Amino acid sequence: MSNVPLPPGPVPLPDLVALQPGAVVSRTLVKAGGGTVTAFAFDAGEALSEHSAPFDALVIGVEGEAEVSISKASHRVKAGELLRLPANEPHGLKVVTPFKMILVMVKA
């Protein structure tokens, strides 16, 4: 996981994290008491196993497409789309095409 500081000006969302073959790459953008914001890049075929978190989270699609399951219900997330992951509900992710996303976790 990378924690490289953000530049002072605007940054195109796809430039926040680079894809790497056969890997999942993450970059913490904000880490504070109220939550975190993390950019992720997943190569095609990569996945995050089902898990749950005690806080709501938002998945913001930046590039590509992924299938996100929430309590066994499947949702396709594409660039420009947002999906809420409710607190304490099991969720997982399987990448369909190389996928970049921003994950906003809200600790409230």
C-alpha atoms as a PDB file:
ATOM      1  CA  MET A   1       0.000   0.000   0.000  1.00  0.00           C
ATOM      2  CA  SER A   2       1.369   3.369  -1.034  1.00  0.00           C
ATOM      3  CA  ASN A   3       0.946   6.613   0.919  1.00  0.00           C
ATOM      4  CA  VAL A   4       2.506   9.072  -1.531  1.00  0.00           C
ATOM      5  CA  PRO A   5       1.157  12.580  -0.793  1.00  0.00           C
ATOM      6  CA  LEU A   6      -1.224  14.129  -3.278  1.00  0.00           C
ATOM      7  CA  PRO A   7      -0.052  17.150  -5.264  1.00  0.00           C
ATOM      8  CA  PRO A   8      -1.583  20.532  -4.357  1.00  0.00           C
ATOM      9  CA  GLY A   9      -3.710  20.778  -7.527  1.00  0.00           C
ATOM     10  CA  PRO A  10      -6.310  18.637  -9.314  1.00  0.00           C
ATOM     11  CA  VAL A  11      -5.398  15.066 -10.241  1.00  0.00           C
ATOM     12  CA  PRO A  12      -7.239  12.986 -12.861  1.00  0.00           C
ATOM     13  CA  LEU A  13      -8.812  10.052 -11.002  1.00  0.00           C
ATOM     14  CA  PRO A  14      -7.259   7.374 -13.263  1.00  0.00           C
ATOM     15  CA  ASP A  15      -3.790   8.753 -12.447  1.00  0.00           C
ATOM     16  CA  LEU A  16      -4.119   8.174  -8.683  1.00  0.00           C
ATOM     17  CA  VAL A  17      -2.933   4.556  -8.888  1.00  0.00           C
ATOM     18  CA  ALA A  18      -1.333   2.477 -11.658  1.00  0.00           C
ATOM     19  CA  LEU A  19      -2.374  -0.981 -12.803  1.00  0.00           C
ATOM     20  CA  GLN A  20       0.204  -3.751 -12.373  1.00  0.00           C
ATOM     21  CA  PRO A  21      -0.080  -7.117 -14.141  1.00  0.00           C
ATOM     22  CA  GLY A  22      -1.511  -9.835 -11.909  1.00  0.00           C
ATOM     23  CA  ALA A  23      -1.794  -7.533  -8.891  1.00  0.00           C
ATOM     24  CA  VAL A  24      -3.983  -5.412  -6.666  1.00  0.00           C
ATOM     25  CA  VAL A  25      -2.453  -1.996  -5.949  1.00  0.00           C
ATOM     26  CA  SER A  26      -3.731   0.491  -3.365  1.00  0.00           C
ATOM     27  CA  ARG A  27      -2.867   4.038  -2.389  1.00  0.00           C
ATOM     28  CA  THR A  28      -4.166   5.728   0.754  1.00  0.00           C
ATOM     29  CA  LEU A  29      -5.300   9.236  -0.143  1.00  0.00           C
ATOM     30  CA  VAL A  30      -6.791  10.294   3.204  1.00  0.00           C
ATOM     31  CA  LYS A  31      -6.590   8.631   6.609  1.00  0.00           C
ATOM     32  CA  ALA A  32      -8.374  10.407   9.444  1.00  0.00           C
ATOM     33  CA  GLY A  33     -10.462   9.663  12.511  1.00  0.00           C
ATOM     34  CA  GLY A  34     -13.649   9.977  10.467  1.00  0.00           C
ATOM     35  CA  GLY A  35     -12.614   7.488   7.811  1.00  0.00           C
ATOM     36  CA  THR A  36     -10.332   6.738   4.898  1.00  0.00           C
ATOM     37  CA  VAL A  37     -10.173   7.310   1.162  1.00  0.00           C
ATOM     38  CA  THR A  38      -8.166   4.767  -0.817  1.00  0.00           C
ATOM     39  CA  ALA A  39      -7.528   4.379  -4.555  1.00  0.00           C
ATOM     40  CA  PHE A  40      -7.306   0.806  -5.872  1.00  0.00           C
ATOM     41  CA  ALA A  41      -6.198  -0.722  -9.181  1.00  0.00           C
ATOM     42  CA  PHE A  42      -7.006  -4.376  -9.947  1.00  0.00           C
ATOM     43  CA  ASP A  43      -5.782  -6.356 -12.923  1.00  0.00           C
ATOM     44  CA  ALA A  44      -8.398  -8.472 -14.734  1.00  0.00           C
ATOM     45  CA  GLY A  45      -9.310 -11.611 -12.817  1.00  0.00           C
ATOM     46  CA  GLU A  46      -8.170 -10.266  -9.442  1.00  0.00           C
ATOM     47  CA  ALA A  47     -10.582 -10.360  -6.487  1.00  0.00           C
ATOM     48  CA  LEU A  48     -11.171  -9.409  -2.884  1.00  0.00           C
ATOM     49  CA  SER A  49     -12.624 -12.265  -0.867  1.00  0.00           C
ATOM     50  CA  GLU A  50     -15.891 -11.783   0.947  1.00  0.00           C
ATOM     51  CA  HIS A  51     -15.552  -9.887   4.223  1.00  0.00           C
ATOM     52  CA  SER A  52     -17.462  -7.306   6.251  1.00  0.00           C
ATOM     53  CA  ALA A  53     -16.571  -3.996   7.858  1.00  0.00           C
ATOM     54  CA  PRO A  54     -18.146  -2.168  10.804  1.00  0.00           C
ATOM     55  CA  PHE A  55     -18.625   1.028   8.742  1.00  0.00           C
ATOM     56  CA  ASP A  56     -20.440   2.050   5.572  1.00  0.00           C
ATOM     57  CA  ALA A  57     -18.267   2.436   2.503  1.00  0.00           C
ATOM     58  CA  LEU A  58     -18.695   3.838  -0.993  1.00  0.00           C
ATOM     59  CA  VAL A  59     -17.161   2.256  -4.103  1.00  0.00           C
ATOM     60  CA  ILE A  60     -16.630   4.805  -6.869  1.00  0.00           C
ATOM     61  CA  GLY A  61     -15.795   3.228 -10.231  1.00  0.00           C
ATOM     62  CA  VAL A  62     -12.987   5.044 -12.076  1.00  0.00           C
ATOM     63  CA  GLU A  63     -12.044   2.685 -14.942  1.00  0.00           C
ATOM     64  CA  GLY A  64     -13.112  -0.761 -16.094  1.00  0.00           C
ATOM     65  CA  GLU A  65     -15.712  -3.044 -14.565  1.00  0.00           C
ATOM     66  CA  ALA A  66     -16.069  -5.233 -11.496  1.00  0.00           C
ATOM     67  CA  GLU A  67     -18.720  -7.451  -9.974  1.00  0.00           C
ATOM     68  CA  VAL A  68     -19.374  -6.542  -6.348  1.00  0.00           C
ATOM     69  CA  SER A  69     -21.431  -8.845  -4.147  1.00  0.00           C
ATOM     70  CA  ILE A  70     -23.274  -7.532  -1.104  1.00  0.00           C
ATOM     71  CA  SER A  71     -24.984 -10.175   1.037  1.00  0.00           C
ATOM     72  CA  LYS A  72     -24.981 -12.539  -1.979  1.00  0.00           C
ATOM     73  CA  ALA A  73     -26.601  -9.936  -4.316  1.00  0.00           C
ATOM     74  CA  SER A  74     -24.380  -9.174  -7.309  1.00  0.00           C
ATOM     75  CA  HIS A  75     -23.865  -5.670  -8.735  1.00  0.00           C
ATOM     76  CA  ARG A  76     -21.794  -4.599 -11.761  1.00  0.00           C
ATOM     77  CA  VAL A  77     -19.849  -1.399 -11.103  1.00  0.00           C
ATOM     78  CA  LYS A  78     -18.392   0.561 -14.014  1.00  0.00           C
ATOM     79  CA  ALA A  79     -16.515   3.824 -14.426  1.00  0.00           C
ATOM     80  CA  GLY A  80     -18.606   6.760 -13.229  1.00  0.00           C
ATOM     81  CA  GLU A  81     -20.828   4.653 -10.953  1.00  0.00           C
ATOM     82  CA  LEU A  82     -21.129   4.560  -7.164  1.00  0.00           C
ATOM     83  CA  LEU A  83     -22.180   1.646  -4.941  1.00  0.00           C
ATOM     84  CA  ARG A  84     -22.790   1.757  -1.182  1.00  0.00           C
ATOM     85  CA  LEU A  85     -21.440  -1.093   0.920  1.00  0.00           C
ATOM     86  CA  PRO A  86     -23.579  -1.157   4.080  1.00  0.00           C
ATOM     87  CA  ALA A  87     -21.861  -1.668   7.429  1.00  0.00           C
ATOM     88  CA  ASN A  88     -21.663  -5.233   8.719  1.00  0.00           C
ATOM     89  CA  GLU A  89     -22.916  -6.807   5.469  1.00  0.00           C
ATOM     90  CA  PRO A  90     -20.619  -9.311   3.770  1.00  0.00           C
ATOM     91  CA  HIS A  91     -19.213  -8.051   0.476  1.00  0.00           C
ATOM     92  CA  GLY A  92     -16.577  -9.087  -2.043  1.00  0.00           C
ATOM     93  CA  LEU A  93     -15.269  -8.022  -5.436  1.00  0.00           C
ATOM     94  CA  LYS A  94     -14.296  -9.845  -8.638  1.00  0.00           C
ATOM     95  CA  VAL A  95     -12.736  -7.856 -11.472  1.00  0.00           C
ATOM     96  CA  VAL A  96     -14.200  -8.314 -14.955  1.00  0.00           C
ATOM     97  CA  THR A  97     -11.858  -5.939 -16.824  1.00  0.00           C
ATOM     98  CA  PRO A  98      -8.864  -4.051 -15.378  1.00  0.00           C
ATOM     99  CA  PHE A  99     -10.572  -1.920 -12.735  1.00  0.00           C
ATOM    100  CA  LYS A 100      -9.749   1.220 -10.799  1.00  0.00           C
ATOM    101  CA  MET A 101     -11.877   2.494  -7.943  1.00  0.00           C
ATOM    102  CA  ILE A 102     -11.924   4.873  -5.026  1.00  0.00           C
ATOM    103  CA  LEU A 103     -13.086   3.404  -1.723  1.00  0.00           C
ATOM    104  CA  VAL A 104     -14.444   5.882   0.819  1.00  0.00           C
ATOM    105  CA  MET A 105     -14.906   4.343   4.270  1.00  0.00           C
ATOM    106  CA  VAL A 106     -16.976   6.433   6.663  1.00  0.00           C
ATOM    107  CA  LYS A 107     -16.442   5.813  10.378  1.00  0.00           C
ATOM    108  CA  ALA A 108     -19.610   7.148  11.920  1.00  0.00           C
END
